[in-house]
C-alpha atoms as a PDB file:
ATOM      1  CA  MET A   1     121.742  60.556 141.937  1.00  0.00           C
ATOM      2  CA  PRO A   2     125.538  60.059 142.107  1.00  0.00           C
ATOM      3  CA  GLU A   3     127.739  62.214 144.284  1.00  0.00           C
ATOM      4  CA  VAL A   4     129.923  64.891 142.678  1.00  0.00           C
ATOM      5  CA  HIS A   5     133.581  65.075 143.713  1.00  0.00           C
ATOM      6  CA  ARG A   6     136.274  67.607 142.859  1.00  0.00           C
ATOM      7  CA  ILE A   7     139.943  66.671 142.421  1.00  0.00           C
ATOM      8  CA  GLU A   8     142.620  69.351 141.985  1.00  0.00           C
ATOM      9  CA  VAL A   9     146.065  68.533 140.566  1.00  0.00           C
ATOM     10  CA  GLY A  10     148.993  70.940 140.354  1.00  0.00           C
ATOM     11  CA  PHE A  11     152.771  71.002 140.424  1.00  0.00           C
ATOM     12  CA  ARG A  12     154.565  70.828 143.753  1.00  0.00           C
ATOM     13  CA  PRO A  13     155.813  74.248 144.941  1.00  0.00           C
ATOM     14  CA  ASP A  14     159.438  73.294 144.257  1.00  0.00           C
ATOM     15  CA  ILE A  15     158.689  72.320 140.629  1.00  0.00           C
ATOM     16  CA  THR A  16     158.612  74.924 137.863  1.00  0.00           C
ATOM     17  CA  ASP A  17     155.138  75.401 136.413  1.00  0.00           C
ATOM     18  CA  ALA A  18     156.000  76.138 132.761  1.00  0.00           C
ATOM     19  CA  GLN A  19     152.369  76.716 131.776  1.00  0.00           C
ATOM     20  CA  GLY A  20     151.956  79.090 134.723  1.00  0.00           C
ATOM     21  CA  ASN A  21     155.109  80.987 133.742  1.00  0.00           C
ATOM     22  CA  GLN A  22     153.883  81.335 130.163  1.00  0.00           C
ATOM     23  CA  LEU A  23     150.528  82.628 131.375  1.00  0.00           C
ATOM     24  CA  LYS A  24     152.297  85.095 133.689  1.00  0.00           C
ATOM     25  CA  LYS A  25     154.234  86.494 130.704  1.00  0.00           C
ATOM     26  CA  ARG A  26     151.007  86.877 128.714  1.00  0.00           C
ATOM     27  CA  ILE A  27     149.268  88.667 131.590  1.00  0.00           C
ATOM     28  CA  THR A  28     152.168  91.131 131.739  1.00  0.00           C
ATOM     29  CA  SER A  29     152.500  91.654 127.981  1.00  0.00           C
ATOM     30  CA  ASP A  30     148.812  91.623 127.017  1.00  0.00           C
ATOM     31  CA  LEU A  31     147.204  93.252 130.054  1.00  0.00           C
ATOM     32  CA  GLY A  32     150.069  95.223 131.555  1.00  0.00           C
ATOM     33  CA  TYR A  33     149.590  93.674 134.989  1.00  0.00           C
ATOM     34  CA  HIS A  34     152.671  92.683 136.952  1.00  0.00           C
ATOM     35  CA  VAL A  35     151.990  89.552 138.965  1.00  0.00           C
ATOM     36  CA  TYR A  36     154.330  87.712 141.298  1.00  0.00           C
ATOM     37  CA  ALA A  37     153.484  84.164 140.242  1.00  0.00           C
ATOM     38  CA  VAL A  38     150.904  82.120 138.371  1.00  0.00           C
ATOM     39  CA  ARG A  39     150.225  78.458 139.089  1.00  0.00           C
ATOM     40  CA  VAL A  40     147.985  76.300 136.912  1.00  0.00           C
ATOM     41  CA  ILE A  41     145.759  73.725 138.587  1.00  0.00           C
ATOM     42  CA  ASP A  42     143.809  71.068 136.682  1.00  0.00           C
ATOM     43  CA  VAL A  43     140.365  70.440 138.127  1.00  0.00           C
ATOM     44  CA  TYR A  44     138.542  67.153 137.572  1.00  0.00           C
ATOM     45  CA  THR A  45     134.890  66.692 138.431  1.00  0.00           C
ATOM     46  CA  ILE A  46     133.916  63.094 139.137  1.00  0.00           C
ATOM     47  CA  LYS A  47     130.206  62.317 139.149  1.00  0.00           C
ATOM     48  CA  LYS A  48     130.075  58.909 140.812  1.00  0.00           C
ATOM     49  CA  ASP A  49     129.500  57.388 144.216  1.00  0.00           C
ATOM     50  CA  CYS A  50     133.019  56.530 145.461  1.00  0.00           C
ATOM     51  CA  SER A  51     134.708  56.031 148.774  1.00  0.00           C
ATOM     52  CA  SER A  52     137.256  58.597 149.926  1.00  0.00           C
ATOM     53  CA  ASP A  53     139.938  55.899 149.631  1.00  0.00           C
ATOM     54  CA  ALA A  54     139.018  55.287 145.989  1.00  0.00           C
ATOM     55  CA  LEU A  55     139.076  59.024 145.229  1.00  0.00           C
ATOM     56  CA  SER A  56     142.439  59.402 146.934  1.00  0.00           C
ATOM     57  CA  LEU A  57     143.877  56.505 144.935  1.00  0.00           C
ATOM     58  CA  LEU A  58     142.440  57.913 141.701  1.00  0.00           C
ATOM     59  CA  SER A  59     143.906  61.352 142.325  1.00  0.00           C
ATOM     60  CA  ARG A  60     147.370  60.111 143.360  1.00  0.00           C
ATOM     61  CA  GLU A  61     147.857  57.210 140.950  1.00  0.00           C
ATOM     62  CA  LEU A  62     145.962  58.160 137.803  1.00  0.00           C
ATOM     63  CA  LEU A  63     145.489  61.924 137.596  1.00  0.00           C
ATOM     64  CA  ALA A  64     148.713  63.202 139.198  1.00  0.00           C
ATOM     65  CA  ASP A  65     152.349  62.442 138.513  1.00  0.00           C
ATOM     66  CA  PRO A  66     153.554  61.442 141.989  1.00  0.00           C
ATOM     67  CA  VAL A  67     157.076  62.772 141.323  1.00  0.00           C
ATOM     68  CA  THR A  68     156.156  66.313 140.263  1.00  0.00           C
ATOM     69  CA  GLN A  69     152.542  66.946 141.245  1.00  0.00           C
ATOM     70  CA  ILE A  70     150.271  67.072 144.259  1.00  0.00           C
ATOM     71  CA  SER A  71     146.576  66.339 144.302  1.00  0.00           C
ATOM     72  CA  ASN A  72     143.742  67.359 146.542  1.00  0.00           C
ATOM     73  CA  CYS A  73     140.336  65.709 146.727  1.00  0.00           C
END
């Protein structure tokens, strides 16, 4: 059975997360909650036997934009 790996990709803290800002506005307008910030993170589940080097390369080079995003695997 292949291993299952989780890769998370999100915008760097110094980059505006437009989708997160839009969601923050909806939380305030629709639910009445006032939140400080919302950040959106894309989560990828990889079901395959891979080395940690291969996963790191996949997350940095294919799934994340190296200029604006950070990835975690």
